[in-house]
Amino acid sequence: MQLADTYAVIELTTNPDDFALCAAMMMQNDPWVRLGMDYAYCLKAFDGDFKEIFVLKKAGKIIGFVVMQTQGTFKGYIQTICIDAANRGGGLGTKLLQFCEDRILQYSPNIFICVSSFNEGATQLYYKLGYQLVGELKDFVKKDSMELLLRKTVGGLADYVLPTPKS
């Protein structure tokens, strides 16, 4: 996907080298810094079944990424989303999130995301984009921390009609 106004590209990746670069980016940014998450912990975000990992590249360099869970009870869960600090503030995070939403709506009417309660900027963005608080998860990531579980929906699972694929 080409983001014309930013000259950025979103690409699906399964490359362990990309995962390593993304884990290094995570450990240098909040909320992972504030939560004290090291490189090994961040690298585990890319492990597991039923995940799609997309990188956001500008001039061939990874400047952001997203990890999405595509199956299970919370299919459509945006597990991790990160934009490198030097590239924030220009709308890239919003565009990456909108990409996720469009992708998830191909298989689920529900989009889920967790945000650390202290991450006010991200929380405000999610609320602005229509996410609603589902619940608070105390000690979910780390003892004495709180994650907010948010959801954006276009309907219930039983009623959802999958969109017709574009040709």
Protein backbone atom coordinates (compact mmCIF):
# COMPACT_ATOMS: atom_id res chain seq x y z
CA MET A 1 0.00 0.00 0.00
CA GLN A 2 1.35 3.42 -0.95
CA LEU A 3 0.65 6.41 1.29
CA ALA A 4 0.92 9.10 -1.37
CA ASP A 5 1.11 12.09 0.96
CA THR A 6 4.00 10.67 2.98
CA TYR A 7 5.83 8.53 0.42
CA ALA A 8 5.59 5.65 2.85
CA VAL A 9 4.81 2.05 2.01
CA ILE A 10 3.16 -0.63 4.15
CA GLU A 11 4.42 -4.15 3.47
CA LEU A 12 3.64 -7.57 4.92
CA THR A 13 6.77 -9.19 6.34
CA THR A 14 7.85 -12.57 7.68
CA ASN A 15 11.53 -11.65 7.73
CA PRO A 16 13.24 -12.25 11.11
CA ASP A 17 15.64 -9.39 10.33
CA ASP A 18 12.66 -7.02 10.11
CA PHE A 19 11.38 -8.38 13.44
CA ALA A 20 14.77 -7.65 15.01
CA LEU A 21 14.71 -4.04 13.77
CA CYS A 22 11.14 -3.59 15.00
CA ALA A 23 11.95 -5.05 18.44
CA ALA A 24 14.87 -2.61 18.71
CA MET A 25 12.50 0.24 17.81
CA MET A 26 9.99 -0.91 20.44
CA MET A 27 12.49 -1.01 23.28
CA GLN A 28 13.49 2.61 22.58
CA ASN A 29 9.94 3.99 22.70
CA ASP A 30 7.09 4.23 25.18
CA PRO A 31 5.20 2.43 26.48
CA TRP A 32 7.91 -0.25 26.36
CA VAL A 33 10.58 2.01 27.91
CA ARG A 34 8.36 3.01 30.82
CA LEU A 35 7.32 -0.62 31.32
CA GLY A 36 10.99 -1.66 31.38
CA MET A 37 10.73 -4.07 28.47
CA ASP A 38 14.07 -5.20 27.06
CA TYR A 39 14.96 -6.37 23.56
CA ALA A 40 14.26 -10.06 24.28
CA TYR A 41 10.79 -9.23 25.60
CA CYS A 42 10.02 -7.00 22.61
CA LEU A 43 11.19 -9.66 20.14
CA LYS A 44 8.62 -12.10 21.59
CA ALA A 45 5.85 -9.84 20.24
CA PHE A 46 6.48 -11.37 16.82
CA ASP A 47 6.14 -15.01 17.95
CA GLY A 48 2.98 -17.06 17.74
CA ASP A 49 0.38 -18.32 15.35
CA PHE A 50 -2.17 -16.31 13.39
CA LYS A 51 -0.24 -13.05 13.34
CA GLU A 52 0.28 -10.64 10.50
CA ILE A 53 3.20 -8.26 10.74
CA PHE A 54 3.34 -5.21 8.50
CA VAL A 55 6.21 -2.75 8.34
CA LEU A 56 5.91 0.90 7.40
CA LYS A 57 8.84 1.98 5.24
CA LYS A 58 9.98 5.38 4.08
CA ALA A 59 12.87 5.60 1.62
CA GLY A 60 13.36 1.85 2.15
CA LYS A 61 13.85 2.20 5.92
CA ILE A 62 11.47 0.73 8.51
CA ILE A 63 9.96 3.61 10.48
CA GLY A 64 7.01 1.78 12.00
CA PHE A 65 5.19 -1.51 12.19
CA VAL A 66 2.10 -3.30 13.42
CA VAL A 67 1.41 -6.81 14.72
CA MET A 68 -2.18 -8.02 14.31
CA GLN A 69 -3.87 -11.16 15.63
CA THR A 70 -6.07 -12.60 12.88
CA GLN A 71 -7.76 -15.57 14.58
CA GLY A 72 -9.30 -16.54 17.91
CA THR A 73 -11.86 -14.89 20.17
CA PHE A 74 -10.27 -11.49 19.70
CA LYS A 75 -9.44 -11.81 16.02
CA GLY A 76 -8.85 -8.33 14.82
CA TYR A 77 -6.64 -7.48 17.79
CA ILE A 78 -3.96 -4.89 17.08
CA GLN A 79 -1.38 -6.33 19.44
CA THR A 80 1.43 -3.87 18.82
CA ILE A 81 1.68 -0.66 16.82
CA CYS A 82 4.74 1.55 16.80
CA ILE A 83 6.03 4.55 14.88
CA ASP A 84 9.64 5.55 15.39
CA ALA A 85 9.82 8.68 17.57
CA ALA A 86 11.55 10.71 14.84
CA ASN A 87 8.60 10.09 12.48
CA ARG A 88 5.70 10.88 14.81
CA GLY A 89 3.35 13.80 14.48
CA GLY A 90 2.89 13.62 10.72
CA GLY A 91 -0.13 11.34 10.60
CA LEU A 92 1.74 8.10 9.92
CA GLY A 93 0.36 6.42 13.05
CA THR A 94 -3.18 7.32 12.05
CA LYS A 95 -2.60 6.02 8.53
CA LEU A 96 -1.12 2.76 9.83
CA LEU A 97 -4.06 2.35 12.20
CA GLN A 98 -6.53 3.01 9.36
CA PHE A 99 -4.71 0.39 7.29
CA CYS A 100 -5.20 -2.08 10.17
CA GLU A 101 -8.89 -1.24 10.43
CA ASP A 102 -9.45 -1.74 6.70
CA ARG A 103 -7.62 -5.06 6.84
CA ILE A 104 -9.42 -6.33 9.93
CA LEU A 105 -12.85 -5.40 8.56
CA GLN A 106 -12.19 -7.94 5.79
CA TYR A 107 -12.71 -10.71 8.37
CA SER A 108 -14.19 -9.21 11.55
CA PRO A 109 -16.59 -6.43 12.57
CA ASN A 110 -14.54 -5.78 15.72
CA ILE A 111 -11.18 -4.11 16.10
CA PHE A 112 -9.46 -4.41 19.48
CA ILE A 113 -6.40 -2.64 20.86
CA CYS A 114 -4.82 -2.29 24.29
CA VAL A 115 -3.12 0.90 25.42
CA SER A 116 -1.18 1.57 28.59
CA SER A 117 -3.19 3.86 30.88
CA PHE A 118 -0.29 6.32 31.08
CA ASN A 119 0.01 6.56 27.28
CA GLU A 120 -2.21 9.63 26.99
CA GLY A 121 -1.31 10.58 23.41
CA ALA A 122 -2.19 7.17 22.01
CA THR A 123 -5.33 6.94 24.15
CA GLN A 124 -6.56 10.31 22.86
CA LEU A 125 -5.89 9.24 19.27
CA TYR A 126 -7.83 5.99 19.69
CA TYR A 127 -10.81 7.76 21.26
CA LYS A 128 -10.74 10.39 18.50
CA LEU A 129 -10.88 7.59 15.91
CA GLY A 130 -13.95 6.03 17.49
CA TYR A 131 -12.55 3.40 19.86
CA GLN A 132 -14.44 2.85 23.09
CA LEU A 133 -13.29 1.54 26.44
CA VAL A 134 -14.23 -2.11 27.01
CA GLY A 135 -12.39 -2.59 30.28
CA GLU A 136 -9.31 -2.09 32.40
CA LEU A 137 -6.73 -4.86 32.69
CA LYS A 138 -4.79 -4.43 35.92
CA ASP A 139 -1.38 -6.16 36.04
CA PHE A 140 -1.89 -7.40 32.44
CA VAL A 141 1.52 -6.51 31.01
CA LYS A 142 3.36 -5.80 34.23
CA LYS A 143 2.51 -5.71 37.93
CA ASP A 144 1.21 -2.32 39.07
CA SER A 145 0.41 -1.23 35.53
CA MET A 146 -2.94 -0.90 33.79
CA GLU A 147 -3.89 -1.57 30.19
CA LEU A 148 -7.08 -0.20 28.69
CA LEU A 149 -8.85 -2.59 26.32
CA LEU A 150 -10.52 -0.60 23.55
CA ARG A 151 -12.86 -1.69 20.77
CA LYS A 152 -14.15 -0.19 17.57
CA THR A 153 -17.02 -2.02 15.92
CA VAL A 154 -19.33 -1.97 12.95
CA GLY A 155 -21.62 -4.71 14.35
CA GLY A 156 -21.87 -8.09 16.03
CA LEU A 157 -20.07 -11.24 14.92
CA ALA A 158 -23.28 -13.15 14.14
CA ASP A 159 -24.68 -10.36 11.95
CA TYR A 160 -21.50 -9.41 10.10
CA VAL A 161 -21.49 -9.82 6.34
CA LEU A 162 -17.98 -9.99 4.97
CA PRO A 163 -17.29 -7.34 2.31
CA THR A 164 -17.10 -8.45 -1.29
CA PRO A 165 -13.45 -8.73 -2.33
CA LYS A 166 -12.28 -5.93 -4.62
CA SER A 167 -11.11 -7.08 -8.02
